[in-house]
N, C-alpha and C. Protein backbone atom coordinates (compact mmCIF):
# COMPACT_ATOMS: atom_id res chain seq x y z
N MET A 1 81.22 115.64 94.48
CA MET A 1 82.48 115.62 94.86
C MET A 1 83.52 116.59 94.43
N ASN A 2 84.46 116.47 96.14
CA ASN A 2 84.97 118.33 96.89
C ASN A 2 86.64 117.34 95.90
N TRP A 3 87.09 118.37 95.82
CA TRP A 3 89.04 119.44 95.74
C TRP A 3 88.72 120.34 95.90
N ARG A 4 90.95 120.18 96.68
CA ARG A 4 91.07 121.15 97.05
C ARG A 4 92.95 120.67 96.81
N GLN A 5 93.47 121.48 96.48
CA GLN A 5 94.78 121.84 96.24
C GLN A 5 96.04 121.17 97.17
N HIS A 6 96.35 120.27 96.73
CA HIS A 6 97.20 119.95 98.27
C HIS A 6 98.69 119.76 97.65
N TYR A 7 99.15 118.29 98.27
CA TYR A 7 100.73 118.18 96.89
C TYR A 7 101.41 116.72 96.93
N PHE A 8 100.95 115.89 96.14
CA PHE A 8 101.83 114.50 96.32
C PHE A 8 103.34 114.81 95.74
N LYS A 9 104.45 114.20 96.74
CA LYS A 9 106.08 114.78 96.95
C LYS A 9 106.47 115.72 95.79
N GLY A 10 105.72 117.10 96.20
CA GLY A 10 106.16 117.82 96.18
C GLY A 10 105.82 118.43 94.94
N LYS A 11 104.21 117.90 93.88
CA LYS A 11 104.16 118.70 92.79
C LYS A 11 102.43 118.70 93.17
N LYS A 12 101.72 120.01 92.83
CA LYS A 12 100.78 121.07 93.10
C LYS A 12 99.87 118.80 92.37
N VAL A 13 99.01 119.17 93.12
CA VAL A 13 98.20 118.28 93.19
C VAL A 13 96.75 118.40 93.69
N TRP A 14 95.68 117.96 93.12
CA TRP A 14 94.00 118.36 94.27
C TRP A 14 93.57 116.89 94.61
N VAL A 15 93.02 116.76 95.80
CA VAL A 15 93.05 115.47 96.61
C VAL A 15 91.48 116.47 96.70
N GLN A 16 90.36 114.66 96.80
CA GLN A 16 89.14 114.49 97.73
C GLN A 16 89.02 115.08 98.95
N VAL A 17 87.83 115.95 99.01
CA VAL A 17 88.05 116.42 100.39
C VAL A 17 86.49 116.35 100.39
N ASP A 18 85.94 115.77 101.52
CA ASP A 18 84.90 116.17 102.74
C ASP A 18 83.99 117.28 102.97
N ASP A 19 82.67 117.60 103.04
CA ASP A 19 81.26 118.27 103.84
C ASP A 19 83.39 119.14 104.75
N LYS A 20 83.33 118.77 105.34
CA LYS A 20 84.54 120.08 106.63
C LYS A 20 85.73 120.04 106.37
N GLY A 21 86.33 119.47 104.89
CA GLY A 21 87.28 119.81 104.24
C GLY A 21 88.69 119.42 104.83
N ASP A 22 88.30 118.37 105.00
CA ASP A 22 89.09 117.10 105.09
C ASP A 22 89.44 115.65 103.25
N VAL A 23 91.05 115.28 104.08
CA VAL A 23 90.48 114.65 103.02
C VAL A 23 90.52 113.20 103.36
N VAL A 24 89.77 112.65 102.11
CA VAL A 24 88.98 111.70 101.93
C VAL A 24 90.03 110.47 102.18
N VAL A 25 90.11 109.53 102.99
CA VAL A 25 90.61 108.23 102.68
C VAL A 25 89.79 107.30 102.71
N GLU A 26 89.79 106.33 101.12
CA GLU A 26 89.30 104.93 101.40
C GLU A 26 89.99 104.02 100.74
N ASN A 27 89.73 103.22 101.78
CA ASN A 27 90.99 102.20 101.83
C ASN A 27 93.01 102.11 101.69
N GLY A 28 92.78 102.87 102.90
CA GLY A 28 94.16 103.75 102.79
C GLY A 28 94.99 104.21 101.91
N ARG A 29 93.89 104.78 101.20
CA ARG A 29 94.38 105.56 99.53
C ARG A 29 93.89 106.77 99.37
N VAL A 30 94.30 107.86 99.23
CA VAL A 30 93.60 109.28 99.32
C VAL A 30 93.43 109.73 97.66
N PRO A 31 92.02 109.74 97.28
CA PRO A 31 91.40 109.74 95.90
C PRO A 31 92.36 110.76 95.43
N MET A 32 92.95 110.41 94.11
CA MET A 32 94.31 112.55 94.22
C MET A 32 93.91 111.85 92.56
N LYS A 33 94.17 113.34 91.44
CA LYS A 33 94.37 113.85 90.43
C LYS A 33 95.37 114.84 90.29
N TYR A 34 96.32 115.01 88.79
CA TYR A 34 96.72 115.71 89.01
C TYR A 34 96.48 117.46 88.34
N GLN A 35 94.84 117.20 87.71
CA GLN A 35 94.17 118.68 86.85
C GLN A 35 92.90 118.33 87.93
N ASN A 36 92.48 120.14 87.72
CA ASN A 36 91.56 120.12 88.56
C ASN A 36 90.41 120.40 87.97
N ASP A 37 90.16 119.62 86.61
CA ASP A 37 89.57 118.71 85.56
C ASP A 37 88.16 117.51 85.74
N ASP A 38 86.84 117.74 85.54
CA ASP A 38 85.82 116.59 86.13
C ASP A 38 86.17 115.49 85.16
N ASP A 39 87.50 115.56 83.91
CA ASP A 39 87.43 114.54 83.49
C ASP A 39 89.18 113.97 83.12
N ALA A 40 89.74 114.96 84.79
CA ALA A 40 90.93 114.16 85.27
C ALA A 40 91.24 113.07 85.45
N LYS A 41 92.33 112.45 85.44
CA LYS A 41 91.81 110.10 85.61
C LYS A 41 92.11 110.64 87.19
N VAL A 42 91.65 109.74 87.90
CA VAL A 42 92.33 110.27 89.37
C VAL A 42 93.06 108.40 89.12
N TYR A 43 93.67 108.96 90.87
CA TYR A 43 94.66 108.03 91.12
C TYR A 43 94.49 108.27 92.42
N ARG A 44 95.53 107.03 93.53
CA ARG A 44 95.68 107.48 94.81
C ARG A 44 96.30 107.01 95.21
N ALA A 45 96.97 107.63 96.49
CA ALA A 45 97.86 108.55 96.83
C ALA A 45 97.81 107.58 98.30
N SER A 46 99.09 107.17 98.84
CA SER A 46 99.28 106.58 100.12
C SER A 46 99.35 108.29 101.00
N PRO A 47 98.16 108.62 102.17
CA PRO A 47 98.07 109.35 102.76
C PRO A 47 99.37 110.58 102.73
N GLY A 48 100.57 109.00 102.91
CA GLY A 48 102.03 109.86 103.95
C GLY A 48 102.40 110.42 103.28
N ASN A 49 102.44 110.90 101.71
CA ASN A 49 102.63 110.86 101.11
C ASN A 49 100.80 112.48 100.12
N VAL A 50 101.08 112.87 101.20
CA VAL A 50 99.85 113.80 100.41
C VAL A 50 100.11 114.75 101.55
N SER A 51 100.63 115.92 101.54
CA SER A 51 100.08 117.36 101.49
C SER A 51 99.50 118.84 101.77
N SER A 52 99.71 119.41 102.55
CA SER A 52 98.30 120.77 102.22
C SER A 52 100.01 121.15 101.58
N ARG A 53 100.77 121.73 102.24
CA ARG A 53 101.36 122.63 101.79
C ARG A 53 102.96 121.73 101.56
N PRO A 54 103.42 122.35 100.57
CA PRO A 54 105.03 121.68 100.49
C PRO A 54 105.73 122.39 101.04
N ALA A 55 106.76 120.83 101.10
CA ALA A 55 108.24 120.69 102.45
C ALA A 55 108.87 121.57 102.82
N SER A 56 108.98 122.17 101.88
CA SER A 56 110.33 123.37 101.92
C SER A 56 109.13 124.40 102.76
N GLU A 57 107.71 124.14 103.40
CA GLU A 57 107.37 125.33 104.26
C GLU A 57 106.74 124.30 105.93
N ILE A 58 107.60 123.12 105.67
CA ILE A 58 106.92 122.52 106.90
C ILE A 58 108.24 121.78 107.59
N ASP A 59 109.24 122.95 107.40
CA ASP A 59 110.17 121.53 107.76
C ASP A 59 111.02 121.45 109.09
N THR A 60 109.93 122.79 109.83
CA THR A 60 110.37 122.66 111.30
C THR A 60 109.31 123.72 111.73
N ARG A 61 109.05 123.45 112.66
CA ARG A 61 108.14 124.28 113.57
C ARG A 61 109.49 125.07 115.16
N LYS A 62 108.10 126.07 115.16
CA LYS A 62 109.05 126.90 116.15
C LYS A 62 108.45 126.67 117.08
N SER A 63 109.07 127.04 118.35
CA SER A 63 108.10 126.47 119.95
C SER A 63 107.44 128.02 120.20
N SER A 64 106.40 127.48 120.40
CA SER A 64 105.66 128.86 121.25
C SER A 64 106.35 129.87 121.82
N ASP A 65 107.24 129.67 123.18
CA ASP A 65 107.45 130.35 123.98
C ASP A 65 109.34 130.99 123.40
N LYS A 66 110.28 129.75 123.47
CA LYS A 66 111.94 130.34 122.53
C LYS A 66 111.85 130.78 121.01
N GLY A 67 110.86 131.29 120.84
CA GLY A 67 110.88 130.38 118.84
C GLY A 67 112.13 130.36 118.96
N THR A 68 112.61 128.99 119.27
CA THR A 68 113.87 127.72 118.32
C THR A 68 113.04 126.63 118.18
N LYS A 69 114.10 126.31 116.69
CA LYS A 69 113.44 125.24 115.97
C LYS A 69 113.90 124.01 116.88
N ARG A 70 112.24 123.71 116.37
CA ARG A 70 112.67 121.96 117.04
C ARG A 70 113.07 121.10 116.35
N SER A 71 113.44 120.58 116.73
CA SER A 71 113.41 119.09 116.42
C SER A 71 112.44 117.87 115.50
N LEU A 72 113.57 117.60 114.36
CA LEU A 72 111.49 116.75 113.92
C LEU A 72 111.91 115.55 114.04
N ASP A 73 112.94 115.12 114.77
CA ASP A 73 112.99 113.70 115.72
C ASP A 73 112.23 113.09 116.33
N PRO A 74 110.71 112.53 116.07
CA PRO A 74 110.16 112.09 117.19
C PRO A 74 111.01 111.48 118.71
N ILE A 75 111.38 110.80 118.29
CA ILE A 75 113.08 109.96 118.50
C ILE A 75 113.37 110.34 120.04
N THR A 76 113.45 111.88 119.73
CA THR A 76 114.41 112.58 121.51
C THR A 76 112.64 113.41 121.58
N ASN A 77 111.85 112.85 121.58
CA ASN A 77 110.36 113.82 121.63
C ASN A 77 109.55 112.58 121.61
N PRO A 78 109.47 111.74 122.98
CA PRO A 78 108.25 110.68 123.18
C PRO A 78 106.54 111.41 123.34
N GLU A 79 106.58 112.29 123.90
CA GLU A 79 105.92 112.58 124.53
C GLU A 79 105.19 112.88 123.38
N ASP A 80 105.79 112.91 121.68
CA ASP A 80 105.43 113.54 120.63
C ASP A 80 103.98 112.55 120.36
N TRP A 81 104.31 110.64 120.49
CA TRP A 81 103.95 109.56 120.45
C TRP A 81 102.07 109.43 120.54
N GLY A 82 101.46 109.47 119.71
CA GLY A 82 100.53 107.84 119.65
C GLY A 82 99.99 107.05 120.19
N GLN A 83 98.72 106.95 120.34
CA GLN A 83 98.29 105.73 121.75
C GLN A 83 99.12 104.04 120.52
N LEU A 84 99.43 103.51 120.97
CA LEU A 84 100.37 102.60 120.19
C LEU A 84 98.84 101.44 120.32
N TYR A 85 98.88 100.52 119.56
CA TYR A 85 97.19 100.44 118.34
C TYR A 85 98.52 98.84 118.57
N GLU A 86 97.67 97.32 118.97
CA GLU A 86 97.85 96.67 119.07
C GLU A 86 97.00 95.48 118.77
N SER A 87 97.03 94.74 117.76
CA SER A 87 96.01 93.73 117.15
C SER A 87 95.67 92.58 116.52
N ARG A 88 95.99 91.35 117.79
CA ARG A 88 96.35 90.10 117.19
C ARG A 88 95.34 88.80 115.93
N THR A 89 94.53 89.60 115.78
CA THR A 89 93.05 89.02 114.64
C THR A 89 93.98 89.31 113.97
N VAL A 90 93.75 87.96 113.04
CA VAL A 90 94.05 88.27 111.45
C VAL A 90 93.40 89.34 110.67
N PRO A 91 93.40 90.47 109.94
CA PRO A 91 92.43 90.89 108.92
C PRO A 91 91.76 89.68 107.92
N ASP A 92 90.97 90.10 107.54
CA ASP A 92 90.78 89.27 106.66
C ASP A 92 91.23 88.85 104.83
N ASP A 93 91.58 90.12 104.92
CA ASP A 93 92.17 89.76 103.42
C ASP A 93 93.21 89.39 103.58
N LEU A 94 93.97 89.05 105.06
CA LEU A 94 95.27 87.94 104.45
C LEU A 94 95.05 86.81 105.40
N CYS A 95 93.66 86.34 105.65
CA CYS A 95 93.39 85.01 105.95
C CYS A 95 94.17 84.26 105.13
N SER A 96 93.68 84.47 103.82
CA SER A 96 94.11 83.54 102.56
C SER A 96 95.54 83.27 102.37
N VAL A 97 96.37 84.58 103.44
CA VAL A 97 97.72 83.98 102.77
C VAL A 97 98.06 83.39 103.16
N PRO A 98 99.83 82.80 103.18
CA PRO A 98 99.19 81.13 103.55
C PRO A 98 100.75 81.50 104.57
N GLU A 99 101.18 80.70 106.20
CA GLU A 99 101.31 80.76 106.51
C GLU A 99 103.39 80.73 106.29
N PRO A 100 104.31 81.52 107.82
CA PRO A 100 105.59 81.34 107.22
C PRO A 100 105.71 79.49 107.26
N ASP A 101 107.23 79.83 106.90
CA ASP A 101 107.92 78.20 107.16
C ASP A 101 107.92 78.03 108.80
N GLU A 102 108.18 77.54 108.61
CA GLU A 102 108.14 76.52 110.19
C GLU A 102 109.29 76.57 111.03
N GLY A 103 108.93 77.76 112.00
CA GLY A 103 109.98 77.65 112.65
C GLY A 103 110.70 79.63 112.42
N ILE A 104 110.10 79.79 111.54
CA ILE A 104 110.69 81.22 110.92
C ILE A 104 109.55 82.39 111.94
N VAL A 105 110.44 83.24 112.37
CA VAL A 105 109.60 84.87 112.55
C VAL A 105 109.66 85.79 111.05
N GLU A 106 108.51 85.86 110.64
CA GLU A 106 108.47 86.34 109.18
C GLU A 106 108.19 88.74 109.93
N ILE A 107 108.40 88.90 109.43
CA ILE A 107 108.08 91.11 109.86
C ILE A 107 107.86 91.86 108.77
N HIS A 108 106.54 91.79 108.80
CA HIS A 108 106.45 93.19 107.31
C HIS A 108 107.03 94.35 108.13
N THR A 109 107.74 95.60 107.95
CA THR A 109 107.42 97.06 108.60
C THR A 109 107.25 98.29 107.55
N ASP A 110 106.46 98.83 108.10
CA ASP A 110 106.87 99.89 107.20
C ASP A 110 106.53 101.97 107.84
N GLY A 111 107.39 102.03 106.65
CA GLY A 111 106.85 103.85 107.96
C GLY A 111 106.08 104.72 106.38
N ALA A 112 105.31 105.92 107.39
CA ALA A 112 105.13 106.72 106.18
C ALA A 112 104.97 107.55 107.36
N CYS A 113 104.76 109.14 106.53
CA CYS A 113 104.79 110.57 106.48
C CYS A 113 103.74 111.31 105.78
N SER A 114 103.62 111.91 106.50
CA SER A 114 102.78 113.16 105.71
C SER A 114 103.63 114.34 105.18
N GLY A 115 104.41 115.04 104.22
CA GLY A 115 104.81 115.47 103.86
C GLY A 115 106.26 115.97 104.35
N ASN A 116 106.71 114.52 105.04
CA ASN A 116 108.66 114.34 104.30
C ASN A 116 109.70 115.31 104.21
N PRO A 117 109.43 116.07 105.79
CA PRO A 117 109.27 115.77 106.86
C PRO A 117 108.09 116.22 107.61
N GLY A 118 107.16 115.69 108.11
CA GLY A 118 105.98 116.37 108.40
C GLY A 118 105.86 115.01 109.23
N PRO A 119 104.17 115.11 109.92
CA PRO A 119 103.48 113.77 110.74
C PRO A 119 104.15 112.05 109.97
N CYS A 120 104.55 111.33 110.78
CA CYS A 120 105.12 109.67 110.53
C CYS A 120 104.39 109.28 111.89
N GLY A 121 104.00 107.91 110.86
CA GLY A 121 104.28 106.23 111.60
C GLY A 121 104.16 105.52 112.19
N TYR A 122 104.49 104.87 112.54
CA TYR A 122 105.08 103.03 111.77
C TYR A 122 103.90 102.26 111.52
N GLY A 123 104.24 101.42 110.58
CA GLY A 123 103.45 100.28 110.69
C GLY A 123 104.32 98.83 110.85
N VAL A 124 103.60 97.51 111.61
CA VAL A 124 104.15 96.74 111.42
C VAL A 124 102.88 95.65 111.90
N VAL A 125 103.72 94.00 111.32
CA VAL A 125 103.37 92.79 111.21
C VAL A 125 104.39 91.72 111.46
N ILE A 126 103.33 91.50 112.86
CA ILE A 126 104.64 89.52 112.94
C ILE A 126 103.37 88.54 112.29
N ARG A 127 104.15 87.66 112.09
CA ARG A 127 103.83 85.72 112.05
C ARG A 127 104.76 85.57 112.83
N ASP A 128 104.24 84.01 113.72
CA ASP A 128 104.83 83.08 113.24
C ASP A 128 104.44 82.33 113.35
N GLY A 129 104.33 81.39 112.86
CA GLY A 129 103.23 79.78 112.49
C GLY A 129 101.86 80.30 113.12
N PHE A 130 100.79 80.28 113.24
CA PHE A 130 99.85 81.16 114.02
C PHE A 130 99.41 82.46 114.06
N HIS A 131 100.77 82.06 114.38
CA HIS A 131 100.70 83.34 115.54
C HIS A 131 100.44 84.85 114.94
N TYR A 132 99.64 86.13 115.22
CA TYR A 132 100.19 86.88 114.12
C TYR A 132 99.17 88.08 114.92
N LEU A 133 100.48 89.08 114.95
CA LEU A 133 100.06 90.50 115.84
C LEU A 133 100.37 91.07 114.51
N GLU A 134 100.12 92.29 114.86
CA GLU A 134 99.84 93.96 114.39
C GLU A 134 100.30 94.86 115.18
N VAL A 135 101.09 95.62 114.60
CA VAL A 135 101.39 97.61 116.22
C VAL A 135 101.93 98.22 115.46
N SER A 136 101.14 99.21 115.18
CA SER A 136 101.25 100.79 114.86
C SER A 136 100.99 102.00 115.95
N GLN A 137 101.20 102.77 115.47
CA GLN A 137 101.73 103.81 116.47
C GLN A 137 101.79 104.72 115.44
N PHE A 138 101.72 106.59 115.80
CA PHE A 138 101.86 108.17 115.84
C PHE A 138 103.38 107.82 116.44
N ILE A 139 104.23 109.29 115.40
CA ILE A 139 105.44 109.70 116.41
C ILE A 139 105.68 110.62 116.76
N GLY A 140 104.93 111.92 115.46
CA GLY A 140 104.89 113.40 115.82
C GLY A 140 106.12 113.04 115.02
N ARG A 141 106.45 114.75 114.36
CA ARG A 141 107.34 114.57 113.27
C ARG A 141 108.31 114.07 112.82
N GLY A 142 108.85 114.10 111.85
CA GLY A 142 109.96 113.41 110.94
C GLY A 142 109.79 113.18 110.19
N THR A 143 110.82 112.17 109.32
CA THR A 143 110.89 111.86 107.81
C THR A 143 110.07 110.84 107.77
N ASN A 144 110.73 110.62 106.90
CA ASN A 144 109.78 109.19 105.91
C ASN A 144 110.80 107.53 106.39
N ASN A 145 111.89 108.49 106.67
CA ASN A 145 113.09 107.45 106.49
C ASN A 145 112.74 106.93 108.29
N ILE A 146 112.77 108.51 109.32
CA ILE A 146 113.02 107.66 110.08
C ILE A 146 111.91 107.50 110.24
N ALA A 147 110.77 107.82 110.18
CA ALA A 147 109.24 106.54 110.80
C ALA A 147 109.38 104.94 110.31
N GLU A 148 110.77 104.72 108.92
CA GLU A 148 110.67 103.20 108.61
C GLU A 148 111.63 102.74 109.37
N LEU A 149 112.75 102.82 109.88
CA LEU A 149 113.66 102.58 110.86
C LEU A 149 113.38 102.58 111.82
N THR A 150 112.16 102.91 112.22
CA THR A 150 111.16 103.49 113.49
C THR A 150 110.50 102.03 114.02
N ALA A 151 110.12 101.79 112.49
CA ALA A 151 109.32 100.24 112.63
C ALA A 151 110.35 98.67 112.36
N ILE A 152 111.43 99.08 111.75
CA ILE A 152 112.75 97.90 111.63
C ILE A 152 112.66 98.07 113.84
N LYS A 153 112.80 99.25 113.91
CA LYS A 153 112.95 99.15 115.69
C LYS A 153 112.39 98.39 116.43
N VAL A 154 111.00 98.92 116.58
CA VAL A 154 110.06 98.40 117.40
C VAL A 154 109.83 96.69 116.28
N ALA A 155 109.76 96.50 115.66
CA ALA A 155 109.81 94.97 115.30
C ALA A 155 110.22 94.44 115.58
N LEU A 156 112.22 94.70 115.70
CA LEU A 156 112.90 93.83 116.04
C LEU A 156 113.48 93.90 118.07
N GLU A 157 112.45 95.04 118.55
CA GLU A 157 111.97 94.57 119.68
C GLU A 157 111.27 94.07 120.46
N ARG A 158 109.99 93.09 119.56
CA ARG A 158 108.73 92.45 119.78
C ARG A 158 109.89 91.22 119.64
N VAL A 159 111.08 90.46 119.31
CA VAL A 159 111.31 89.31 119.08
C VAL A 159 111.74 89.22 120.63
N ASP A 160 111.62 88.26 121.56
CA ASP A 160 111.53 87.49 122.42
C ASP A 160 112.84 86.48 122.47
N ASP A 161 113.29 86.24 122.06
CA ASP A 161 113.93 83.97 121.30
C ASP A 161 114.92 84.99 120.22
N ARG A 162 115.88 85.78 120.16
CA ARG A 162 116.76 85.88 118.90
C ARG A 162 117.35 84.62 119.15
N SER A 163 117.69 83.98 119.48
CA SER A 163 118.06 82.74 118.39
C SER A 163 117.82 82.31 117.50
N ARG A 164 116.35 82.46 117.05
CA ARG A 164 115.72 81.59 115.95
C ARG A 164 115.41 83.18 115.42
N PRO A 165 115.86 82.25 113.74
CA PRO A 165 115.25 82.46 112.29
C PRO A 165 114.57 83.90 112.19
N VAL A 166 114.81 85.00 111.73
CA VAL A 166 113.93 86.02 111.93
C VAL A 166 114.03 86.63 110.12
N ARG A 167 112.44 86.65 110.07
CA ARG A 167 113.63 87.54 108.27
C ARG A 167 112.32 88.66 108.03
N LEU A 168 114.07 89.94 108.05
CA LEU A 168 112.42 91.59 107.68
C LEU A 168 112.46 91.55 107.27
N TYR A 169 110.80 92.46 106.24
CA TYR A 169 110.22 92.50 104.97
C TYR A 169 110.46 93.73 104.49
N THR A 170 111.42 95.08 104.31
CA THR A 170 110.96 96.44 104.81
C THR A 170 111.09 96.36 102.28
N ASP A 171 110.49 97.51 102.18
CA ASP A 171 110.46 98.62 100.93
C ASP A 171 111.44 99.61 101.28
N SER A 172 111.85 99.39 102.24
CA SER A 172 112.74 100.84 102.18
C SER A 172 114.57 100.89 101.25
N SER A 173 115.09 100.75 101.17
CA SER A 173 116.48 100.13 100.59
C SER A 173 117.31 101.33 101.90
N TYR A 174 116.67 102.93 101.53
CA TYR A 174 117.64 103.24 102.75
C TYR A 174 118.05 102.41 103.06
N CYS A 175 117.21 101.89 104.13
CA CYS A 175 117.16 101.37 105.80
C CYS A 175 118.21 99.70 104.78
N ILE A 176 117.45 99.15 104.93
CA ILE A 176 119.22 98.15 104.25
C ILE A 176 120.05 98.84 103.93
N GLY A 177 119.99 99.39 103.21
CA GLY A 177 121.54 99.89 103.43
C GLY A 177 122.16 100.49 104.75
N VAL A 178 121.35 101.03 105.41
CA VAL A 178 122.70 102.49 106.27
C VAL A 178 122.14 100.36 106.96
N LEU A 179 122.10 100.29 107.44
CA LEU A 179 121.80 98.94 108.39
C LEU A 179 122.10 97.40 108.39
N THR A 180 122.28 97.51 106.96
CA THR A 180 123.64 96.02 107.20
C THR A 180 124.43 95.80 105.96
N LYS A 181 124.62 97.57 104.65
CA LYS A 181 125.32 97.83 103.79
C LYS A 181 126.84 98.19 104.06
N GLY A 182 126.71 98.86 104.59
CA GLY A 182 127.53 100.00 105.95
C GLY A 182 127.56 101.66 105.14
N TRP A 183 126.05 102.06 104.38
CA TRP A 183 126.39 102.38 103.97
C TRP A 183 126.25 103.99 105.19
N LYS A 184 127.14 105.24 104.41
CA LYS A 184 127.79 105.97 106.15
C LYS A 184 125.98 106.92 105.91
N ALA A 185 125.56 107.05 107.20
CA ALA A 185 124.19 107.54 108.54
C ALA A 185 124.99 109.32 107.67
N LYS A 186 124.40 110.60 107.42
CA LYS A 186 123.84 111.77 107.58
C LYS A 186 123.71 112.42 108.25
N ALA A 187 122.34 111.42 108.09
CA ALA A 187 120.79 111.68 109.60
C ALA A 187 120.69 110.57 110.32
N ASN A 188 120.22 111.15 111.10
CA ASN A 188 119.54 109.99 112.28
C ASN A 188 120.33 108.71 112.65
N ARG A 189 121.54 109.59 112.83
CA ARG A 189 122.71 109.28 113.22
C ARG A 189 122.66 107.61 114.66
N SER A 190 122.05 108.88 115.76
CA SER A 190 121.55 107.52 116.78
C SER A 190 120.86 106.50 116.65
N LEU A 191 119.79 106.51 115.70
CA LEU A 191 119.02 105.99 115.65
C LEU A 191 119.27 104.39 114.42
N ILE A 192 119.87 104.42 113.88
CA ILE A 192 120.94 104.15 113.51
C ILE A 192 121.69 103.16 113.97
N LEU A 193 122.66 103.33 114.86
CA LEU A 193 123.33 102.77 115.48
C LEU A 193 122.69 101.83 116.28
N SER A 194 121.72 102.44 116.98
CA SER A 194 120.53 101.95 118.46
C SER A 194 120.21 99.51 117.26
N ILE A 195 119.70 100.39 116.33
CA ILE A 195 119.18 99.81 115.33
C ILE A 195 120.84 98.30 115.37
N ARG A 196 121.65 98.81 114.55
CA ARG A 196 122.32 98.09 114.05
C ARG A 196 123.17 97.46 115.94
N GLU A 197 123.07 98.33 116.32
CA GLU A 197 123.21 96.44 117.87
C GLU A 197 122.24 96.33 118.35
N LEU A 198 120.65 96.86 117.71
CA LEU A 198 119.60 95.27 117.96
C LEU A 198 119.77 94.10 117.44
N ILE A 199 120.30 94.44 116.32
CA ILE A 199 121.07 93.74 115.18
C ILE A 199 121.72 91.90 115.47
N GLU A 200 122.97 93.64 116.31
CA GLU A 200 123.76 92.54 117.02
C GLU A 200 123.37 90.96 117.79
N ASP A 201 122.18 90.98 118.66
CA ASP A 201 121.78 90.36 118.98
C ASP A 201 120.78 88.88 118.38
N PHE A 202 120.82 89.54 117.50
CA PHE A 202 120.50 88.10 117.20
C PHE A 202 121.17 87.29 116.50
N ASP A 203 120.90 85.96 115.72
CA ASP A 203 121.71 84.92 115.82
C ASP A 203 121.66 84.63 113.95
N ASP A 204 119.72 84.75 113.66
CA ASP A 204 120.10 84.40 112.62
C ASP A 204 119.08 85.66 111.46
N LEU A 205 119.26 86.62 111.00
CA LEU A 205 118.79 87.88 111.05
C LEU A 205 118.70 87.65 109.28
N GLN A 206 118.06 88.32 108.79
CA GLN A 206 117.51 89.05 107.23
C GLN A 206 117.36 89.83 106.70
N LEU A 207 117.04 91.04 107.00
CA LEU A 207 116.38 91.70 106.27
C LEU A 207 116.45 91.90 104.97
N ILE A 208 115.22 92.47 104.20
CA ILE A 208 115.03 90.86 102.60
C ILE A 208 114.42 92.55 101.82
N LYS A 209 114.94 93.37 101.14
CA LYS A 209 114.12 93.78 100.43
C LYS A 209 113.28 93.81 99.82
N VAL A 210 111.64 94.72 99.91
CA VAL A 210 110.07 93.96 98.71
C VAL A 210 110.38 95.61 98.13
N LYS A 211 109.67 95.05 97.12
CA LYS A 211 109.08 96.29 95.94
C LYS A 211 107.75 97.21 96.78
N GLY A 212 107.79 98.29 97.05
CA GLY A 212 106.59 98.93 97.80
C GLY A 212 105.33 98.95 96.40
N HIS A 213 103.66 98.85 97.92
CA HIS A 213 102.82 99.21 96.26
C HIS A 213 102.80 98.31 95.01
N ALA A 214 103.01 96.81 95.40
CA ALA A 214 103.03 96.10 94.57
C ALA A 214 102.18 95.12 95.03
N GLY A 215 101.86 94.97 95.56
CA GLY A 215 100.61 93.87 95.39
C GLY A 215 101.34 92.90 96.29
N ASP A 216 101.67 92.80 96.95
CA ASP A 216 102.32 92.05 98.49
C ASP A 216 101.37 92.35 99.36
N PRO A 217 100.49 91.50 99.60
CA PRO A 217 99.14 91.90 100.55
C PRO A 217 100.17 92.14 102.84
N LEU A 218 100.70 91.63 102.78
CA LEU A 218 101.09 91.61 104.15
C LEU A 218 102.50 93.48 104.59
N ASN A 219 102.85 93.68 103.21
CA ASN A 219 103.50 94.90 102.60
C ASN A 219 102.75 95.71 102.79
N GLU A 220 101.40 95.84 101.49
CA GLU A 220 100.43 96.23 102.35
C GLU A 220 99.75 96.53 103.83
N ARG A 221 99.51 95.57 103.98
CA ARG A 221 99.35 95.76 105.20
C ARG A 221 100.09 96.99 106.26
N ALA A 222 100.84 96.40 106.35
CA ALA A 222 101.73 97.26 106.58
C ALA A 222 102.20 99.37 106.53
N ASP A 223 101.96 99.01 105.13
CA ASP A 223 101.91 100.51 104.70
C ASP A 223 101.13 100.97 105.81
N PHE A 224 99.32 100.00 105.10
CA PHE A 224 98.17 100.65 105.93
C PHE A 224 98.34 100.86 107.78
N MET A 225 98.52 100.03 108.47
CA MET A 225 99.32 100.01 109.90
C MET A 225 99.87 101.57 109.69
N ALA A 226 100.85 101.81 109.26
CA ALA A 226 101.34 103.49 109.34
C ALA A 226 100.63 104.79 108.29
N THR A 227 99.84 104.52 107.90
CA THR A 227 99.07 105.57 108.00
C THR A 227 98.30 105.61 107.79
N SER A 228 96.91 104.93 108.67
CA SER A 228 96.38 104.92 109.11
C SER A 228 96.68 105.90 111.46
N SER A 229 98.11 105.38 111.64
CA SER A 229 98.20 105.95 113.16
C SER A 229 98.75 107.36 112.51
N ILE A 230 98.76 107.75 111.41
CA ILE A 230 99.02 108.96 111.58
C ILE A 230 97.38 109.84 111.67
N GLU A 231 96.68 108.97 111.02
CA GLU A 231 95.50 109.47 110.25
C GLU A 231 94.45 109.47 111.74
N ARG A 232 94.43 108.70 113.20
CA ARG A 232 94.47 108.45 114.52
C ARG A 232 94.58 109.44 115.86
N ARG A 233 95.79 110.39 114.74
CA ARG A 233 96.95 111.00 116.35
C ARG A 233 96.16 112.52 116.30
């Protein structure tokens, strides 16, 4: 088993890598330990929280021709977005999850970012009775908050009948705060304003906070979709 130094939320760690030196991802998680010892406990981290460099070194990228700092907002750089992934097949691990209440459009969203800022993507799961849809996409360089907001925006745009009751679940307190609680937004203002305008189109929409990585299968699926989008870039 090979281990290489990386960074997890700003802390120096060691992660498992394959023979090519690429980070190993098992069931959507990266094997990680805080000490490079054979007896050290191995943890499982989200790929979006693992980076080969500290965040201070990857805040910006310089353009090759002019040497100016490039925007970290992937919304303004759609050419950086990756291929859209969609599936209407219910994954095996969700087959036993009860369908949402009749008439309710249920949405689970999550965003992932490797390095924060760094490569990021979103994951969305939408359920309407027995109908199922999951969507994910790599959206370029940005922050975790941008990825979380983009997931919500993409999900809401997928709802055709906005007169129906919609329940959107996110593990981002930030998103709920800036979108529904009047928190002042110092960053991502254009993205936040566009989502607020979108929210006004709905007759019965609730954004509901869930605890991330706490075993909720639908939240875990959205997280898996988001992290997978980064791996596919």
